C-alpha atoms as a PDB file:
ATOM      1  CA  MET A   1      -3.653  -2.377  26.083  1.00  0.00           C
ATOM      2  CA  LEU A   2      -6.175   0.405  25.770  1.00  0.00           C
ATOM      3  CA  PHE A   3      -6.346  -0.350  22.050  1.00  0.00           C
ATOM      4  CA  ASP A   4      -6.488  -3.822  22.367  1.00  0.00           C
ATOM      5  CA  ASN A   5      -9.530  -3.646  24.722  1.00  0.00           C
ATOM      6  CA  GLY A   6     -11.289  -1.390  22.134  1.00  0.00           C
ATOM      7  CA  LYS A   7     -10.584   1.901  23.914  1.00  0.00           C
ATOM      8  CA  TYR A   8      -9.084   3.666  20.834  1.00  0.00           C
ATOM      9  CA  GLU A   9      -9.732   7.220  21.332  1.00  0.00           C
ATOM     10  CA  GLU A  10      -7.978   6.748  24.781  1.00  0.00           C
ATOM     11  CA  SER A  11      -5.082   5.042  23.338  1.00  0.00           C
ATOM     12  CA  TYR A  12      -4.737   7.839  20.824  1.00  0.00           C
ATOM     13  CA  TYR A  13      -4.721  10.484  23.114  1.00  0.00           C
ATOM     14  CA  ILE A  14      -2.095   8.698  25.566  1.00  0.00           C
ATOM     15  CA  ALA A  15       0.091   7.814  22.337  1.00  0.00           C
ATOM     16  CA  ASP A  16       0.126  11.599  21.516  1.00  0.00           C
ATOM     17  CA  GLU A  17       0.994  12.406  24.991  1.00  0.00           C
ATOM     18  CA  LEU A  18       4.041  10.041  25.198  1.00  0.00           C
ATOM     19  CA  LEU A  19       5.204  11.086  22.145  1.00  0.00           C
ATOM     20  CA  ASP A  20       5.529  14.613  23.660  1.00  0.00           C
ATOM     21  CA  LEU A  21       6.978  13.280  26.990  1.00  0.00           C
ATOM     22  CA  SER A  22       9.428  11.073  25.114  1.00  0.00           C
ATOM     23  CA  LYS A  23      11.141  14.034  23.258  1.00  0.00           C
ATOM     24  CA  ALA A  24      11.297  16.033  26.408  1.00  0.00           C
ATOM     25  CA  ILE A  25      13.150  13.573  28.274  1.00  0.00           C
ATOM     26  CA  ASN A  26      14.679  11.989  25.387  1.00  0.00           C
ATOM     27  CA  ASP A  27      13.689   8.577  26.013  1.00  0.00           C
ATOM     28  CA  ASN A  28      14.034   6.587  22.450  1.00  0.00           C
ATOM     29  CA  TYR A  29      11.962   3.301  23.895  1.00  0.00           C
ATOM     30  CA  ILE A  30       8.939   5.721  24.580  1.00  0.00           C
ATOM     31  CA  TYR A  31       9.133   7.277  21.443  1.00  0.00           C
ATOM     32  CA  ALA A  32       9.355   4.019  19.583  1.00  0.00           C
ATOM     33  CA  ASP A  33       6.258   2.706  21.423  1.00  0.00           C
ATOM     34  CA  ALA A  34       4.394   5.878  21.097  1.00  0.00           C
ATOM     35  CA  CYS A  35       5.032   5.971  17.039  1.00  0.00           C
ATOM     36  CA  LYS A  36       3.947   1.905  17.115  1.00  0.00           C
ATOM     37  CA  ILE A  37       0.708   3.223  18.588  1.00  0.00           C
ATOM     38  CA  ILE A  38       0.303   6.075  16.447  1.00  0.00           C
ATOM     39  CA  GLY A  39       0.871   3.675  13.569  1.00  0.00           C
ATOM     40  CA  ARG A  40      -1.769   1.463  14.786  1.00  0.00           C
ATOM     41  CA  ARG A  41      -4.130   4.466  14.853  1.00  0.00           C
ATOM     42  CA  HIS A  42      -3.624   5.222  11.082  1.00  0.00           C
ATOM     43  CA  HIS A  43      -3.587   1.378  10.257  1.00  0.00           C
ATOM     44  CA  PHE A  44      -6.931   0.977  11.796  1.00  0.00           C
ATOM     45  CA  ARG A  45      -8.345   4.228  10.131  1.00  0.00           C
ATOM     46  CA  GLY A  46      -7.097   2.912   6.548  1.00  0.00           C
ATOM     47  CA  GLU A  47      -4.497   5.407   6.260  1.00  0.00           C
ATOM     48  CA  TYR A  48      -1.870   2.989   5.303  1.00  0.00           C
ATOM     49  CA  ASP A  49       0.792   5.422   3.996  1.00  0.00           C
ATOM     50  CA  LYS A  50       0.626   7.312   7.389  1.00  0.00           C
ATOM     51  CA  ALA A  51       0.729   4.031   9.423  1.00  0.00           C
ATOM     52  CA  LEU A  52       4.071   2.857   7.645  1.00  0.00           C
ATOM     53  CA  GLU A  53       5.501   6.266   8.207  1.00  0.00           C
ATOM     54  CA  PHE A  54       4.813   5.565  11.954  1.00  0.00           C
ATOM     55  CA  TYR A  55       6.016   2.033  11.844  1.00  0.00           C
ATOM     56  CA  LEU A  56       9.263   2.860  10.293  1.00  0.00           C
ATOM     57  CA  LYS A  57       9.897   5.439  12.616  1.00  0.00           C
ATOM     58  CA  SER A  58       9.044   2.838  15.544  1.00  0.00           C
ATOM     59  CA  LEU A  59      11.148   0.367  14.129  1.00  0.00           C
ATOM     60  CA  ASN A  60      14.190   2.784  13.606  1.00  0.00           C
ATOM     61  CA  TYR A  61      13.941   3.549  17.255  1.00  0.00           C
ATOM     62  CA  PHE A  62      13.556   0.046  18.490  1.00  0.00           C
ATOM     63  CA  GLU A  63      16.462  -1.086  16.428  1.00  0.00           C
ATOM     64  CA  LYS A  64      18.815   1.375  18.010  1.00  0.00           C
ATOM     65  CA  GLY A  65      18.112  -0.040  21.335  1.00  0.00           C
ATOM     66  CA  ASN A  66      18.037  -3.733  20.007  1.00  0.00           C
ATOM     67  CA  ASN A  67      14.671  -4.228  21.254  1.00  0.00           C
ATOM     68  CA  LEU A  68      13.719  -7.139  19.251  1.00  0.00           C
ATOM     69  CA  ALA A  69      10.406  -7.993  20.854  1.00  0.00           C
ATOM     70  CA  PRO A  70       8.699  -4.855  19.826  1.00  0.00           C
ATOM     71  CA  MET A  71      10.464  -4.895  16.684  1.00  0.00           C
ATOM     72  CA  SER A  72       8.794  -8.079  15.707  1.00  0.00           C
ATOM     73  CA  GLU A  73       5.546  -6.422  16.513  1.00  0.00           C
ATOM     74  CA  VAL A  74       6.186  -3.613  14.198  1.00  0.00           C
ATOM     75  CA  TYR A  75       7.167  -5.906  11.574  1.00  0.00           C
ATOM     76  CA  ASN A  76       3.948  -7.685  11.996  1.00  0.00           C
ATOM     77  CA  SER A  77       2.047  -4.730  11.716  1.00  0.00           C
ATOM     78  CA  MET A  78       3.801  -3.552   8.710  1.00  0.00           C
ATOM     79  CA  GLY A  79       3.054  -7.028   7.235  1.00  0.00           C
ATOM     80  CA  GLY A  80      -0.642  -5.909   7.907  1.00  0.00           C
ATOM     81  CA  VAL A  81      -0.587  -2.893   6.183  1.00  0.00           C
ATOM     82  CA  PHE A  82       0.778  -4.389   3.112  1.00  0.00           C
ATOM     83  CA  LEU A  83      -1.972  -7.141   3.170  1.00  0.00           C
ATOM     84  CA  ASN A  84      -4.747  -4.536   3.536  1.00  0.00           C
ATOM     85  CA  GLN A  85      -3.590  -2.304   0.987  1.00  0.00           C
END
């Protein structure tokens, strides 16, 4: 939500914190969501290889939980990377 409202730096900071938290509590959904946000950060900066790396991590963990809606968001974002390259 922060990212969508133009608060990029705040969303990046929170995503990094979420990544650490998700590892500490072993929560795959939070990990996947954090990776998706970090992927968006790299995508937004034009760092397409890094974006795909994090999108793929995100997708892997969303797939484990059969979380279809966020998986579709990640696929859409990956399509954007391929379009921008």
